[in-house]
Amino acid sequence: AIMKSWEQIFMGAGGEGGFTISPTNVQIDICGPTAICSCVEETSPGGGKLEALNIYRREDGQWRMTLHMASPIIMPRGGSAMF
């Protein structure tokens, strides 16, 4: 059910008109079986930007996301992001 809901989000309600997320400003720190990734997620269409934090855990030789948090970045009119 969870994977199906994510598929619907990325594909759009009718299977068309979905969106993509492209990470930029990626920083990754690995400590043993845990990885922390911070980045800016740029969405299209629409050009929104989200400040994101992802936590991964290495299990059975594969990285698995255990946490994802994202918040919109405030963009002033005609300006650049406010950090």
PDB file of N, CA and C in Angstrom:
ATOM      1  N   ALA A   1       0.814  -1.183   0.000  1.00  0.00           N
ATOM      2  CA  ALA A   1       0.000   0.000   0.000  1.00  0.00           C
ATOM      3  C   ALA A   1       0.874   1.269   0.000  1.00  0.00           C
ATOM      4  N   ILE A   2       1.966   1.236   0.752  1.00  0.00           N
ATOM      5  CA  ILE A   2       2.845   2.410   0.820  1.00  0.00           C
ATOM      6  C   ILE A   2       3.505   2.656  -0.531  1.00  0.00           C
ATOM      7  N   MET A   3       4.060   1.619  -1.137  1.00  0.00           N
ATOM      8  CA  MET A   3       4.720   1.774  -2.429  1.00  0.00           C
ATOM      9  C   MET A   3       3.719   2.237  -3.491  1.00  0.00           C
ATOM     10  N   LYS A   4       2.495   1.724  -3.432  1.00  0.00           N
ATOM     11  CA  LYS A   4       1.465   2.128  -4.395  1.00  0.00           C
ATOM     12  C   LYS A   4       1.145   3.619  -4.246  1.00  0.00           C
ATOM     13  N   SER A   5       1.092   4.111  -2.998  1.00  0.00           N
ATOM     14  CA  SER A   5       0.783   5.530  -2.805  1.00  0.00           C
ATOM     15  C   SER A   5       1.908   6.406  -3.345  1.00  0.00           C
ATOM     16  N   TRP A   6       3.174   5.995  -3.169  1.00  0.00           N
ATOM     17  CA  TRP A   6       4.291   6.768  -3.737  1.00  0.00           C
ATOM     18  C   TRP A   6       4.236   6.753  -5.258  1.00  0.00           C
ATOM     19  N   GLU A   7       3.892   5.606  -5.835  1.00  0.00           N
ATOM     20  CA  GLU A   7       3.773   5.513  -7.294  1.00  0.00           C
ATOM     21  C   GLU A   7       2.717   6.492  -7.796  1.00  0.00           C
ATOM     22  N   GLN A   8       1.588   6.586  -7.106  1.00  0.00           N
ATOM     23  CA  GLN A   8       0.531   7.506  -7.505  1.00  0.00           C
ATOM     24  C   GLN A   8       0.989   8.955  -7.390  1.00  0.00           C
ATOM     25  N   ILE A   9       1.759   9.277  -6.370  1.00  0.00           N
ATOM     26  CA  ILE A   9       2.254  10.638  -6.188  1.00  0.00           C
ATOM     27  C   ILE A   9       3.154  11.039  -7.354  1.00  0.00           C
ATOM     28  N   PHE A  10       4.098  10.145  -7.721  1.00  0.00           N
ATOM     29  CA  PHE A  10       5.052  10.493  -8.771  1.00  0.00           C
ATOM     30  C   PHE A  10       4.472  10.388 -10.175  1.00  0.00           C
ATOM     31  N   MET A  11       3.440   9.571 -10.356  1.00  0.00           N
ATOM     32  CA  MET A  11       2.856   9.406 -11.686  1.00  0.00           C
ATOM     33  C   MET A  11       1.673  10.343 -11.910  1.00  0.00           C
ATOM     34  N   GLY A  12       1.181  10.982 -10.879  1.00  0.00           N
ATOM     35  CA  GLY A  12      -0.011  11.814 -11.016  1.00  0.00           C
ATOM     36  C   GLY A  12      -1.250  10.965 -10.807  1.00  0.00           C
ATOM     37  N   ALA A  13      -2.335  11.593 -10.497  1.00  0.00           N
ATOM     38  CA  ALA A  13      -3.562  10.870 -10.146  1.00  0.00           C
ATOM     39  C   ALA A  13      -4.050   9.968 -11.273  1.00  0.00           C
ATOM     40  N   GLY A  14      -3.947  10.414 -12.519  1.00  0.00           N
ATOM     41  CA  GLY A  14      -4.449   9.629 -13.639  1.00  0.00           C
ATOM     42  C   GLY A  14      -3.369   8.894 -14.399  1.00  0.00           C
ATOM     43  N   GLY A  15      -2.179   8.772 -13.834  1.00  0.00           N
ATOM     44  CA  GLY A  15      -1.097   8.110 -14.534  1.00  0.00           C
ATOM     45  C   GLY A  15      -0.311   9.050 -15.421  1.00  0.00           C
ATOM     46  N   GLU A  16      -0.713  10.319 -15.466  1.00  0.00           N
ATOM     47  CA  GLU A  16      -0.018  11.322 -16.264  1.00  0.00           C
ATOM     48  C   GLU A  16       0.199  12.563 -15.410  1.00  0.00           C
ATOM     49  N   GLY A  17       1.102  13.397 -15.836  1.00  0.00           N
ATOM     50  CA  GLY A  17       1.287  14.659 -15.142  1.00  0.00           C
ATOM     51  C   GLY A  17       2.010  14.559 -13.826  1.00  0.00           C
ATOM     52  N   GLY A  18       2.806  13.546 -13.647  1.00  0.00           N
ATOM     53  CA  GLY A  18       3.579  13.407 -12.428  1.00  0.00           C
ATOM     54  C   GLY A  18       4.690  14.439 -12.352  1.00  0.00           C
ATOM     55  N   PHE A  19       5.569  14.291 -11.385  1.00  0.00           N
ATOM     56  CA  PHE A  19       6.680  15.225 -11.254  1.00  0.00           C
ATOM     57  C   PHE A  19       7.954  14.476 -10.919  1.00  0.00           C
ATOM     58  N   THR A  20       9.065  15.165 -11.052  1.00  0.00           N
ATOM     59  CA  THR A  20      10.360  14.576 -10.731  1.00  0.00           C
ATOM     60  C   THR A  20      11.024  15.403  -9.637  1.00  0.00           C
ATOM     61  N   ILE A  21      11.911  14.754  -8.902  1.00  0.00           N
ATOM     62  CA  ILE A  21      12.702  15.412  -7.869  1.00  0.00           C
ATOM     63  C   ILE A  21      14.172  15.194  -8.210  1.00  0.00           C
ATOM     64  N   SER A  22      14.924  16.289  -8.302  1.00  0.00           N
ATOM     65  CA  SER A  22      16.354  16.224  -8.606  1.00  0.00           C
ATOM     66  C   SER A  22      17.140  16.790  -7.428  1.00  0.00           C
ATOM     67  N   PRO A  23      18.032  15.985  -6.828  1.00  0.00           N
ATOM     68  CA  PRO A  23      18.810  16.502  -5.702  1.00  0.00           C
ATOM     69  C   PRO A  23      19.978  17.374  -6.161  1.00  0.00           C
ATOM     70  N   THR A  24      20.220  18.467  -5.414  1.00  0.00           N
ATOM     71  CA  THR A  24      21.386  19.322  -5.635  1.00  0.00           C
ATOM     72  C   THR A  24      22.004  19.606  -4.271  1.00  0.00           C
ATOM     73  N   ASN A  25      23.201  20.187  -4.268  1.00  0.00           N
ATOM     74  CA  ASN A  25      23.905  20.519  -3.023  1.00  0.00           C
ATOM     75  C   ASN A  25      23.948  19.314  -2.077  1.00  0.00           C
ATOM     76  N   VAL A  26      24.259  18.159  -2.615  1.00  0.00           N
ATOM     77  CA  VAL A  26      24.230  16.909  -1.846  1.00  0.00           C
ATOM     78  C   VAL A  26      25.472  16.785  -0.967  1.00  0.00           C
ATOM     79  N   GLN A  27      25.242  16.468   0.294  1.00  0.00           N
ATOM     80  CA  GLN A  27      26.324  16.166   1.231  1.00  0.00           C
ATOM     81  C   GLN A  27      25.977  14.859   1.922  1.00  0.00           C
ATOM     82  N   ILE A  28      26.946  13.919   1.928  1.00  0.00           N
ATOM     83  CA  ILE A  28      26.712  12.604   2.521  1.00  0.00           C
ATOM     84  C   ILE A  28      27.802  12.314   3.538  1.00  0.00           C
ATOM     85  N   ASP A  29      27.377  11.895   4.717  1.00  0.00           N
ATOM     86  CA  ASP A  29      28.304  11.447   5.768  1.00  0.00           C
ATOM     87  C   ASP A  29      27.955  10.010   6.102  1.00  0.00           C
ATOM     88  N   ILE A  30      28.992   9.146   6.116  1.00  0.00           N
ATOM     89  CA  ILE A  30      28.776   7.736   6.433  1.00  0.00           C
ATOM     90  C   ILE A  30      29.527   7.406   7.713  1.00  0.00           C
ATOM     91  N   CYS A  31      28.813   6.779   8.626  1.00  0.00           N
ATOM     92  CA  CYS A  31      29.398   6.349   9.894  1.00  0.00           C
ATOM     93  C   CYS A  31      28.943   4.909  10.136  1.00  0.00           C
ATOM     94  N   GLY A  32      29.833   3.960   9.816  1.00  0.00           N
ATOM     95  CA  GLY A  32      29.463   2.550   9.964  1.00  0.00           C
ATOM     96  C   GLY A  32      28.298   2.200   9.061  1.00  0.00           C
ATOM     97  N   PRO A  33      27.241   1.598   9.639  1.00  0.00           N
ATOM     98  CA  PRO A  33      26.092   1.185   8.820  1.00  0.00           C
ATOM     99  C   PRO A  33      25.051   2.287   8.613  1.00  0.00           C
ATOM    100  N   THR A  34      25.381   3.529   8.998  1.00  0.00           N
ATOM    101  CA  THR A  34      24.428   4.627   8.890  1.00  0.00           C
ATOM    102  C   THR A  34      24.970   5.713   7.965  1.00  0.00           C
ATOM    103  N   ALA A  35      24.127   6.237   7.101  1.00  0.00           N
ATOM    104  CA  ALA A  35      24.500   7.346   6.219  1.00  0.00           C
ATOM    105  C   ALA A  35      23.486   8.468   6.386  1.00  0.00           C
ATOM    106  N   ILE A  36      23.991   9.696   6.427  1.00  0.00           N
ATOM    107  CA  ILE A  36      23.149  10.884   6.530  1.00  0.00           C
ATOM    108  C   ILE A  36      23.362  11.701   5.262  1.00  0.00           C
ATOM    109  N   CYS A  37      22.276  11.999   4.575  1.00  0.00           N
ATOM    110  CA  CYS A  37      22.338  12.766   3.332  1.00  0.00           C
ATOM    111  C   CYS A  37      21.496  14.028   3.490  1.00  0.00           C
ATOM    112  N   SER A  38      22.130  15.180   3.309  1.00  0.00           N
ATOM    113  CA  SER A  38      21.380  16.435   3.264  1.00  0.00           C
ATOM    114  C   SER A  38      21.487  16.974   1.845  1.00  0.00           C
ATOM    115  N   CYS A  39      20.415  17.584   1.378  1.00  0.00           N
ATOM    116  CA  CYS A  39      20.416  18.096   0.011  1.00  0.00           C
ATOM    117  C   CYS A  39      19.262  19.064  -0.176  1.00  0.00           C
ATOM    118  N   VAL A  40      19.258  19.702  -1.336  1.00  0.00           N
ATOM    119  CA  VAL A  40      18.122  20.495  -1.789  1.00  0.00           C
ATOM    120  C   VAL A  40      17.453  19.678  -2.881  1.00  0.00           C
ATOM    121  N   GLU A  41      16.159  19.425  -2.724  1.00  0.00           N
ATOM    122  CA  GLU A  41      15.403  18.684  -3.725  1.00  0.00           C
ATOM    123  C   GLU A  41      14.646  19.691  -4.590  1.00  0.00           C
ATOM    124  N   GLU A  42      14.970  19.706  -5.883  1.00  0.00           N
ATOM    125  CA  GLU A  42      14.297  20.601  -6.822  1.00  0.00           C
ATOM    126  C   GLU A  42      13.214  19.808  -7.548  1.00  0.00           C
ATOM    127  N   THR A  43      11.990  20.321  -7.501  1.00  0.00           N
ATOM    128  CA  THR A  43      10.878  19.621  -8.125  1.00  0.00           C
ATOM    129  C   THR A  43      10.518  20.252  -9.458  1.00  0.00           C
ATOM    130  N   SER A  44      10.069  19.407 -10.381  1.00  0.00           N
ATOM    131  CA  SER A  44       9.589  19.919 -11.658  1.00  0.00           C
ATOM    132  C   SER A  44       8.427  19.039 -12.111  1.00  0.00           C
ATOM    133  N   PRO A  45       7.437  19.589 -12.752  1.00  0.00           N
ATOM    134  CA  PRO A  45       7.328  21.008 -13.070  1.00  0.00           C
ATOM    135  C   PRO A  45       7.031  21.817 -11.809  1.00  0.00           C
ATOM    136  N   GLY A  46       7.152  23.109 -11.914  1.00  0.00           N
ATOM    137  CA  GLY A  46       6.809  24.005 -10.824  1.00  0.00           C
ATOM    138  C   GLY A  46       7.987  24.714 -10.203  1.00  0.00           C
ATOM    139  N   GLY A  47       9.158  24.096 -10.233  1.00  0.00           N
ATOM    140  CA  GLY A  47      10.366  24.746  -9.743  1.00  0.00           C
ATOM    141  C   GLY A  47      10.457  24.923  -8.244  1.00  0.00           C
ATOM    142  N   GLY A  48       9.710  24.136  -7.472  1.00  0.00           N
ATOM    143  CA  GLY A  48       9.811  24.222  -6.022  1.00  0.00           C
ATOM    144  C   GLY A  48      11.124  23.665  -5.516  1.00  0.00           C
ATOM    145  N   LYS A  49      11.547  24.126  -4.344  1.00  0.00           N
ATOM    146  CA  LYS A  49      12.773  23.626  -3.725  1.00  0.00           C
ATOM    147  C   LYS A  49      12.483  23.242  -2.283  1.00  0.00           C
ATOM    148  N   LEU A  50      13.032  22.090  -1.878  1.00  0.00           N
ATOM    149  CA  LEU A  50      12.868  21.584  -0.522  1.00  0.00           C
ATOM    150  C   LEU A  50      14.234  21.313   0.085  1.00  0.00           C
ATOM    151  N   GLU A  51      14.423  21.712   1.326  1.00  0.00           N
ATOM    152  CA  GLU A  51      15.623  21.338   2.077  1.00  0.00           C
ATOM    153  C   GLU A  51      15.310  19.966   2.661  1.00  0.00           C
ATOM    154  N   ALA A  52      16.158  18.974   2.365  1.00  0.00           N
ATOM    155  CA  ALA A  52      15.842  17.596   2.743  1.00  0.00           C
ATOM    156  C   ALA A  52      16.948  16.953   3.563  1.00  0.00           C
ATOM    157  N   LEU A  53      16.527  16.025   4.411  1.00  0.00           N
ATOM    158  CA  LEU A  53      17.442  15.207   5.200  1.00  0.00           C
ATOM    159  C   LEU A  53      16.981  13.766   5.067  1.00  0.00           C
ATOM    160  N   ASN A  54      17.886  12.897   4.663  1.00  0.00           N
ATOM    161  CA  ASN A  54      17.586  11.477   4.515  1.00  0.00           C
ATOM    162  C   ASN A  54      18.570  10.670   5.343  1.00  0.00           C
ATOM    163  N   ILE A  55      18.069   9.682   6.070  1.00  0.00           N
ATOM    164  CA  ILE A  55      18.905   8.788   6.863  1.00  0.00           C
ATOM    165  C   ILE A  55      18.766   7.390   6.261  1.00  0.00           C
ATOM    166  N   TYR A  56      19.908   6.740   6.049  1.00  0.00           N
ATOM    167  CA  TYR A  56      19.927   5.386   5.493  1.00  0.00           C
ATOM    168  C   TYR A  56      20.623   4.446   6.466  1.00  0.00           C
ATOM    169  N   ARG A  57      20.236   3.172   6.418  1.00  0.00           N
ATOM    170  CA  ARG A  57      20.874   2.125   7.214  1.00  0.00           C
ATOM    171  C   ARG A  57      21.233   0.985   6.273  1.00  0.00           C
ATOM    172  N   ARG A  58      22.463   0.490   6.407  1.00  0.00           N
ATOM    173  CA  ARG A  58      22.909  -0.617   5.555  1.00  0.00           C
ATOM    174  C   ARG A  58      22.445  -1.933   6.163  1.00  0.00           C
ATOM    175  N   GLU A  59      21.623  -2.657   5.413  1.00  0.00           N
ATOM    176  CA  GLU A  59      21.087  -3.943   5.849  1.00  0.00           C
ATOM    177  C   GLU A  59      21.231  -4.954   4.731  1.00  0.00           C
ATOM    178  N   ASP A  60      21.798  -6.079   5.055  1.00  0.00           N
ATOM    179  CA  ASP A  60      21.972  -7.158   4.066  1.00  0.00           C
ATOM    180  C   ASP A  60      22.653  -6.663   2.793  1.00  0.00           C
ATOM    181  N   GLY A  61      23.649  -5.765   2.951  1.00  0.00           N
ATOM    182  CA  GLY A  61      24.429  -5.283   1.819  1.00  0.00           C
ATOM    183  C   GLY A  61      23.772  -4.195   0.993  1.00  0.00           C
ATOM    184  N   GLN A  62      22.602  -3.697   1.419  1.00  0.00           N
ATOM    185  CA  GLN A  62      21.909  -2.650   0.665  1.00  0.00           C
ATOM    186  C   GLN A  62      21.573  -1.486   1.589  1.00  0.00           C
ATOM    187  N   TRP A  63      21.602  -0.265   1.016  1.00  0.00           N
ATOM    188  CA  TRP A  63      21.211   0.926   1.771  1.00  0.00           C
ATOM    189  C   TRP A  63      19.703   1.052   1.716  1.00  0.00           C
ATOM    190  N   ARG A  64      19.080   1.214   2.881  1.00  0.00           N
ATOM    191  CA  ARG A  64      17.630   1.364   2.986  1.00  0.00           C
ATOM    192  C   ARG A  64      17.303   2.668   3.708  1.00  0.00           C
ATOM    193  N   MET A  65      16.436   3.460   3.109  1.00  0.00           N
ATOM    194  CA  MET A  65      16.052   4.723   3.731  1.00  0.00           C
ATOM    195  C   MET A  65      15.206   4.438   4.969  1.00  0.00           C
ATOM    196  N   THR A  66      15.597   5.038   6.085  1.00  0.00           N
ATOM    197  CA  THR A  66      14.836   4.877   7.319  1.00  0.00           C
ATOM    198  C   THR A  66      14.131   6.168   7.727  1.00  0.00           C
ATOM    199  N   LEU A  67      14.563   7.309   7.164  1.00  0.00           N
ATOM    200  CA  LEU A  67      13.935   8.581   7.498  1.00  0.00           C
ATOM    201  C   LEU A  67      14.088   9.550   6.332  1.00  0.00           C
ATOM    202  N   HIS A  68      13.007  10.267   6.035  1.00  0.00           N
ATOM    203  CA  HIS A  68      13.048  11.339   5.032  1.00  0.00           C
ATOM    204  C   HIS A  68      12.281  12.517   5.605  1.00  0.00           C
ATOM    205  N   MET A  69      12.920  13.673   5.651  1.00  0.00           N
ATOM    206  CA  MET A  69      12.259  14.905   6.081  1.00  0.00           C
ATOM    207  C   MET A  69      12.556  15.968   5.034  1.00  0.00           C
ATOM    208  N   ALA A  70      11.569  16.784   4.725  1.00  0.00           N
ATOM    209  CA  ALA A  70      11.770  17.871   3.761  1.00  0.00           C
ATOM    210  C   ALA A  70      10.872  19.043   4.117  1.00  0.00           C
ATOM    211  N   SER A  71      11.414  20.243   3.946  1.00  0.00           N
ATOM    212  CA  SER A  71      10.665  21.474   4.192  1.00  0.00           C
ATOM    213  C   SER A  71      10.872  22.422   3.027  1.00  0.00           C
ATOM    214  N   PRO A  72       9.836  23.169   2.659  1.00  0.00           N
ATOM    215  CA  PRO A  72       9.979  24.130   1.566  1.00  0.00           C
ATOM    216  C   PRO A  72      10.990  25.215   1.911  1.00  0.00           C
ATOM    217  N   ILE A  73      11.723  25.639   0.909  1.00  0.00           N
ATOM    218  CA  ILE A  73      12.661  26.752   1.057  1.00  0.00           C
ATOM    219  C   ILE A  73      11.924  28.011   0.645  1.00  0.00           C
ATOM    220  N   ILE A  74      11.970  29.033   1.484  1.00  0.00           N
ATOM    221  CA  ILE A  74      11.291  30.284   1.188  1.00  0.00           C
ATOM    222  C   ILE A  74      12.062  31.024   0.103  1.00  0.00           C
ATOM    223  N   MET A  75      11.366  31.385  -0.962  1.00  0.00           N
ATOM    224  CA  MET A  75      11.964  32.081  -2.086  1.00  0.00           C
ATOM    225  C   MET A  75      11.316  33.450  -2.212  1.00  0.00           C
ATOM    226  N   PRO A  76      12.071  34.526  -1.976  1.00  0.00           N
ATOM    227  CA  PRO A  76      11.484  35.854  -2.174  1.00  0.00           C
ATOM    228  C   PRO A  76      11.228  36.091  -3.658  1.00  0.00           C
ATOM    229  N   ARG A  77      10.302  36.955  -3.964  1.00  0.00           N
ATOM    230  CA  ARG A  77       9.985  37.233  -5.375  1.00  0.00           C
ATOM    231  C   ARG A  77      11.217  37.752  -6.094  1.00  0.00           C
ATOM    232  N   GLY A  78      11.557  37.083  -7.193  1.00  0.00           N
ATOM    233  CA  GLY A  78      12.663  37.509  -8.028  1.00  0.00           C
ATOM    234  C   GLY A  78      14.035  37.372  -7.389  1.00  0.00           C
ATOM    235  N   GLY A  79      14.122  36.673  -6.265  1.00  0.00           N
ATOM    236  CA  GLY A  79      15.405  36.559  -5.579  1.00  0.00           C
ATOM    237  C   GLY A  79      15.877  35.134  -5.450  1.00  0.00           C
ATOM    238  N   SER A  80      16.885  34.955  -4.655  1.00  0.00           N
ATOM    239  CA  SER A  80      17.414  33.616  -4.434  1.00  0.00           C
ATOM    240  C   SER A  80      16.972  33.120  -3.061  1.00  0.00           C
ATOM    241  N   ALA A  81      17.223  31.856  -2.799  1.00  0.00           N
ATOM    242  CA  ALA A  81      16.767  31.208  -1.571  1.00  0.00           C
ATOM    243  C   ALA A  81      17.313  31.909  -0.330  1.00  0.00           C
ATOM    244  N   MET A  82      16.483  31.932   0.694  1.00  0.00           N
ATOM    245  CA  MET A  82      16.881  32.496   1.977  1.00  0.00           C
ATOM    246  C   MET A  82      17.284  31.348   2.897  1.00  0.00           C
ATOM    247  N   PHE A  83      18.546  31.292   3.270  1.00  0.00           N
ATOM    248  CA  PHE A  83      18.999  30.212   4.176  1.00  0.00           C
ATOM    249  C   PHE A  83      19.288  30.777   5.527  1.00  0.00           C
TER     250      PHE A  83
END
